Amino acid sequence: MKVLTVLIQSIVLLSAAMAANLKSSSDERSTPVTVGEVAPDFTLEDQNRNNVAISDARGKSPVVLVFYRGYW
């Protein structure tokens, strides 16, 4: 059962990554963001499945991005 759950989670993550890659192919950067540079605008889904754009918080409140890898 645990193997099936991990397999399904992997498929969902790969599908989401592929979909995000297709949408942002025209906005790709050739260089990484450097220290002190303003982050490019992007939109992500929060824990309540609401879309949140970084530009909505820019200049209004601090923004902390956490990339949680998970246990798998």
N, C-alpha and C. Protein backbone atom coordinates (compact mmCIF):
# COMPACT_ATOMS: atom_id res chain seq x y z
N MET A 1 0.82 -1.19 0.00
CA MET A 1 0.00 0.00 0.00
C MET A 1 0.87 1.26 0.00
N LYS A 2 1.95 1.26 0.81
CA LYS A 2 2.83 2.42 0.88
C LYS A 2 3.52 2.65 -0.46
N VAL A 3 3.89 1.58 -1.14
CA VAL A 3 4.55 1.70 -2.44
C VAL A 3 3.60 2.32 -3.46
N LEU A 4 2.34 1.92 -3.42
CA LEU A 4 1.35 2.48 -4.32
C LEU A 4 1.16 3.98 -4.05
N THR A 5 1.12 4.36 -2.79
CA THR A 5 0.98 5.77 -2.43
C THR A 5 2.16 6.59 -2.94
N VAL A 6 3.36 6.06 -2.77
CA VAL A 6 4.56 6.76 -3.25
C VAL A 6 4.53 6.88 -4.76
N LEU A 7 4.10 5.82 -5.44
CA LEU A 7 4.03 5.84 -6.90
C LEU A 7 3.03 6.90 -7.39
N ILE A 8 1.88 6.95 -6.76
CA ILE A 8 0.87 7.94 -7.16
C ILE A 8 1.37 9.35 -6.89
N GLN A 9 2.01 9.57 -5.74
CA GLN A 9 2.54 10.90 -5.43
C GLN A 9 3.60 11.30 -6.46
N SER A 10 4.43 10.36 -6.85
CA SER A 10 5.47 10.65 -7.84
C SER A 10 4.87 11.03 -9.18
N ILE A 11 3.83 10.32 -9.59
CA ILE A 11 3.17 10.62 -10.86
C ILE A 11 2.53 12.01 -10.82
N VAL A 12 1.89 12.34 -9.70
CA VAL A 12 1.26 13.66 -9.57
C VAL A 12 2.32 14.76 -9.61
N LEU A 13 3.42 14.57 -8.89
CA LEU A 13 4.49 15.57 -8.88
C LEU A 13 5.11 15.74 -10.26
N LEU A 14 5.35 14.65 -10.95
CA LEU A 14 5.92 14.75 -12.30
C LEU A 14 4.96 15.45 -13.25
N SER A 15 3.68 15.14 -13.14
CA SER A 15 2.68 15.79 -13.99
C SER A 15 2.63 17.29 -13.73
N ALA A 16 2.66 17.67 -12.44
CA ALA A 16 2.64 19.10 -12.10
C ALA A 16 3.89 19.80 -12.61
N ALA A 17 5.04 19.15 -12.47
CA ALA A 17 6.29 19.75 -12.94
C ALA A 17 6.28 19.92 -14.45
N MET A 18 5.77 18.92 -15.15
CA MET A 18 5.71 19.00 -16.62
C MET A 18 4.75 20.10 -17.05
N ALA A 19 3.60 20.22 -16.39
CA ALA A 19 2.64 21.26 -16.73
C ALA A 19 3.22 22.64 -16.47
N ALA A 20 3.92 22.81 -15.36
CA ALA A 20 4.54 24.10 -15.04
C ALA A 20 5.62 24.43 -16.06
N ASN A 21 6.35 23.43 -16.49
CA ASN A 21 7.40 23.65 -17.47
C ASN A 21 6.81 24.07 -18.81
N LEU A 22 5.69 23.51 -19.20
CA LEU A 22 5.06 23.89 -20.46
C LEU A 22 4.53 25.31 -20.42
N LYS A 23 3.95 25.71 -19.27
CA LYS A 23 3.39 27.06 -19.16
C LYS A 23 4.48 28.12 -19.15
N SER A 24 5.62 27.84 -18.56
CA SER A 24 6.64 28.87 -18.37
C SER A 24 7.78 28.79 -19.38
N SER A 25 7.60 28.05 -20.45
CA SER A 25 8.70 27.88 -21.39
C SER A 25 9.12 29.20 -22.04
N SER A 26 8.18 30.15 -22.20
CA SER A 26 8.54 31.42 -22.81
C SER A 26 9.18 32.38 -21.80
N ASP A 27 9.04 32.09 -20.50
CA ASP A 27 9.57 32.96 -19.46
C ASP A 27 10.86 32.42 -18.84
N GLU A 28 11.49 31.45 -19.47
CA GLU A 28 12.68 30.84 -18.89
C GLU A 28 13.84 31.82 -18.83
N ARG A 29 14.58 31.73 -17.76
CA ARG A 29 15.78 32.54 -17.58
C ARG A 29 16.98 31.71 -17.98
N SER A 30 17.99 32.37 -18.48
CA SER A 30 19.22 31.66 -18.81
C SER A 30 20.23 31.71 -17.66
N THR A 31 19.95 32.56 -16.65
CA THR A 31 20.84 32.66 -15.49
C THR A 31 20.01 32.60 -14.21
N PRO A 32 20.58 32.11 -13.12
CA PRO A 32 19.85 32.07 -11.86
C PRO A 32 19.70 33.46 -11.24
N VAL A 33 18.78 33.59 -10.32
CA VAL A 33 18.60 34.85 -9.59
C VAL A 33 19.80 35.01 -8.66
N THR A 34 20.40 36.18 -8.65
CA THR A 34 21.57 36.43 -7.82
C THR A 34 21.18 37.11 -6.52
N VAL A 35 22.09 37.11 -5.57
CA VAL A 35 21.86 37.74 -4.27
C VAL A 35 21.60 39.23 -4.48
N GLY A 36 20.52 39.73 -3.88
CA GLY A 36 20.17 41.14 -3.99
C GLY A 36 19.28 41.47 -5.17
N GLU A 37 19.12 40.54 -6.09
CA GLU A 37 18.27 40.77 -7.26
C GLU A 37 16.81 40.57 -6.87
N VAL A 38 15.91 41.37 -7.45
CA VAL A 38 14.48 41.22 -7.20
C VAL A 38 14.02 39.93 -7.86
N ALA A 39 13.28 39.13 -7.12
CA ALA A 39 12.78 37.86 -7.65
C ALA A 39 11.79 38.11 -8.79
N PRO A 40 11.83 37.30 -9.82
CA PRO A 40 10.85 37.45 -10.90
C PRO A 40 9.46 37.09 -10.38
N ASP A 41 8.44 37.64 -11.00
CA ASP A 41 7.07 37.36 -10.57
C ASP A 41 6.69 35.93 -10.93
N PHE A 42 6.04 35.26 -10.01
CA PHE A 42 5.51 33.92 -10.26
C PHE A 42 4.31 33.69 -9.36
N THR A 43 3.52 32.71 -9.71
CA THR A 43 2.32 32.37 -8.96
C THR A 43 2.40 30.90 -8.55
N LEU A 44 2.11 30.63 -7.28
CA LEU A 44 2.08 29.26 -6.76
C LEU A 44 0.78 29.03 -6.01
N GLU A 45 0.47 27.77 -5.77
CA GLU A 45 -0.71 27.41 -5.01
C GLU A 45 -0.34 27.25 -3.54
N ASP A 46 -1.14 27.83 -2.64
CA ASP A 46 -0.86 27.69 -1.21
C ASP A 46 -1.52 26.43 -0.66
N GLN A 47 -1.42 26.23 0.65
CA GLN A 47 -1.95 25.03 1.27
C GLN A 47 -3.46 24.92 1.19
N ASN A 48 -4.14 26.03 0.89
CA ASN A 48 -5.60 26.02 0.75
C ASN A 48 -6.04 26.02 -0.71
N ARG A 49 -5.10 25.74 -1.60
CA ARG A 49 -5.33 25.68 -3.05
C ARG A 49 -5.72 27.02 -3.66
N ASN A 50 -5.29 28.11 -3.03
CA ASN A 50 -5.49 29.45 -3.59
C ASN A 50 -4.22 29.86 -4.32
N ASN A 51 -4.36 30.49 -5.47
CA ASN A 51 -3.21 30.99 -6.20
C ASN A 51 -2.70 32.26 -5.54
N VAL A 52 -1.40 32.31 -5.31
CA VAL A 52 -0.77 33.46 -4.67
C VAL A 52 0.40 33.90 -5.54
N ALA A 53 0.40 35.17 -5.93
CA ALA A 53 1.49 35.72 -6.73
C ALA A 53 2.45 36.46 -5.81
N ILE A 54 3.74 36.33 -6.08
CA ILE A 54 4.73 37.01 -5.25
C ILE A 54 4.57 38.53 -5.37
N SER A 55 4.09 39.00 -6.51
CA SER A 55 3.91 40.44 -6.69
C SER A 55 2.82 41.00 -5.77
N ASP A 56 1.90 40.16 -5.30
CA ASP A 56 0.87 40.62 -4.36
C ASP A 56 1.47 41.02 -3.02
N ALA A 57 2.57 40.39 -2.62
CA ALA A 57 3.19 40.68 -1.32
C ALA A 57 4.38 41.62 -1.43
N ARG A 58 4.91 41.80 -2.62
CA ARG A 58 6.11 42.62 -2.78
C ARG A 58 5.89 44.03 -2.27
N GLY A 59 6.74 44.45 -1.35
CA GLY A 59 6.67 45.79 -0.79
C GLY A 59 5.67 45.94 0.34
N LYS A 60 4.87 44.90 0.60
CA LYS A 60 3.86 44.98 1.65
C LYS A 60 4.25 44.18 2.89
N SER A 61 4.89 43.05 2.68
CA SER A 61 5.27 42.19 3.80
C SER A 61 6.47 41.34 3.39
N PRO A 62 7.20 40.82 4.37
CA PRO A 62 8.32 39.94 4.03
C PRO A 62 7.81 38.64 3.38
N VAL A 63 8.59 38.11 2.49
CA VAL A 63 8.23 36.87 1.80
C VAL A 63 9.30 35.83 2.08
N VAL A 64 8.88 34.66 2.55
CA VAL A 64 9.80 33.56 2.80
C VAL A 64 9.34 32.38 1.96
N LEU A 65 10.23 31.86 1.14
CA LEU A 65 9.92 30.68 0.33
C LEU A 65 10.57 29.48 0.98
N VAL A 66 9.78 28.43 1.15
CA VAL A 66 10.28 27.19 1.73
C VAL A 66 10.03 26.08 0.72
N PHE A 67 11.08 25.40 0.34
CA PHE A 67 10.97 24.28 -0.59
C PHE A 67 11.09 23.00 0.23
N TYR A 68 9.97 22.37 0.50
CA TYR A 68 9.91 21.19 1.32
C TYR A 68 9.98 19.96 0.42
N ARG A 69 11.00 19.18 0.56
CA ARG A 69 11.21 18.02 -0.30
C ARG A 69 10.27 16.88 0.04
N GLY A 70 9.88 16.74 1.26
CA GLY A 70 9.01 15.63 1.65
C GLY A 70 9.82 14.44 2.13
N TYR A 71 9.13 13.41 2.51
CA TYR A 71 9.79 12.24 3.08
C TYR A 71 10.08 11.15 2.06
N TRP A 72 9.58 11.26 0.85
CA TRP A 72 9.79 10.20 -0.12
C TRP A 72 11.12 10.39 -0.73
